[in-house]
Amino acid sequence: MKLYNPKIRRFLDRWPGKETLGVYRFLPLFFVLGAALEFSMINWNVGEVNFYKTFKKREALNILEKRQLEAQRIKSSS
């Protein structure tokens, strides 16, 4: 059973930098893809919400829940 596609293998073998960087020749590609993903998460909105607004809201709720639990614990131990 073949575990690879010869077309994909040929494409990857033709990727530049094999002699100088070896396996790490794909890092610039992944760096650019990661930057594009980060850019899209910051700047693309769905309605009025984007990833960071949702994340900050969830973190604020987690902090409030933690403070409430601490206040209840202090109240119950008194």
Protein backbone atom coordinates (compact mmCIF):
# COMPACT_ATOMS: atom_id res chain seq x y z
CA MET A 1 0.00 0.00 0.00
CA LYS A 2 1.40 3.40 -1.00
CA LEU A 3 1.53 5.97 1.75
CA TYR A 4 2.46 8.90 -0.49
CA ASN A 5 1.40 10.49 -3.73
CA PRO A 6 4.17 10.70 -6.38
CA LYS A 7 2.89 14.10 -7.58
CA ILE A 8 3.14 15.53 -4.08
CA ARG A 9 6.58 13.95 -3.63
CA ARG A 10 7.76 15.53 -6.90
CA PHE A 11 6.38 18.93 -5.89
CA LEU A 12 8.09 18.79 -2.49
CA ASP A 13 11.39 17.66 -4.00
CA ARG A 14 11.33 20.64 -6.36
CA TRP A 15 10.85 23.13 -3.51
CA PRO A 16 13.95 25.39 -3.43
CA GLY A 17 16.54 25.30 -0.67
CA LYS A 18 16.86 21.54 -0.22
CA GLU A 19 20.67 21.60 -0.19
CA THR A 20 21.10 24.57 2.14
CA LEU A 21 18.16 24.28 4.56
CA GLY A 22 17.12 20.64 4.26
CA VAL A 23 13.84 19.91 5.99
CA TYR A 24 13.66 23.48 7.32
CA ARG A 25 13.17 24.93 3.83
CA PHE A 26 9.40 24.96 4.44
CA LEU A 27 9.61 27.23 7.51
CA PRO A 28 9.24 30.51 5.58
CA LEU A 29 6.06 29.19 4.00
CA PHE A 30 4.60 28.26 7.40
CA PHE A 31 5.68 31.61 8.82
CA VAL A 32 3.79 33.45 6.06
CA LEU A 33 0.73 31.22 6.49
CA GLY A 34 0.74 31.85 10.24
CA ALA A 35 1.02 35.60 9.71
CA ALA A 36 -1.89 35.49 7.25
CA LEU A 37 -4.00 33.54 9.74
CA GLU A 38 -3.20 36.04 12.51
CA PHE A 39 -4.02 38.96 10.21
CA SER A 40 -7.35 37.40 9.29
CA MET A 41 -8.24 36.75 12.94
CA ILE A 42 -7.57 40.39 13.80
CA ASN A 43 -9.13 42.13 10.82
CA TRP A 44 -11.99 39.95 9.57
CA ASN A 45 -15.26 40.45 11.39
CA VAL A 46 -18.31 38.22 11.37
CA GLY A 47 -21.06 40.69 12.10
CA GLU A 48 -19.48 42.85 14.78
CA VAL A 49 -17.36 40.10 16.29
CA ASN A 50 -13.87 38.87 15.53
CA PHE A 51 -11.66 36.32 17.25
CA TYR A 52 -9.96 38.73 19.66
CA LYS A 53 -13.16 40.37 20.85
CA THR A 54 -14.54 36.91 21.64
CA PHE A 55 -11.32 35.87 23.37
CA LYS A 56 -11.13 39.01 25.52
CA LYS A 57 -14.78 38.64 26.53
CA ARG A 58 -14.24 35.01 27.54
CA GLU A 59 -11.13 35.90 29.54
CA ALA A 60 -13.02 38.66 31.37
CA LEU A 61 -15.79 36.20 32.24
CA ASN A 62 -13.22 33.69 33.51
CA ILE A 63 -11.66 36.35 35.77
CA LEU A 64 -15.07 37.31 37.16
CA GLU A 65 -15.97 33.68 37.84
CA LYS A 66 -12.66 33.15 39.62
CA ARG A 67 -13.22 36.22 41.80
CA GLN A 68 -16.75 35.09 42.66
CA LEU A 69 -15.50 31.65 43.67
CA GLU A 70 -12.80 33.20 45.86
CA ALA A 71 -15.35 35.53 47.47
CA GLN A 72 -17.69 32.58 48.17
CA ARG A 73 -14.82 30.56 49.62
CA ILE A 74 -13.81 33.42 51.92
CA LYS A 75 -17.43 34.01 52.90
CA SER A 76 -18.04 30.35 53.70
CA SER A 77 -14.84 29.99 55.74
CA SER A 78 -15.72 32.99 57.95
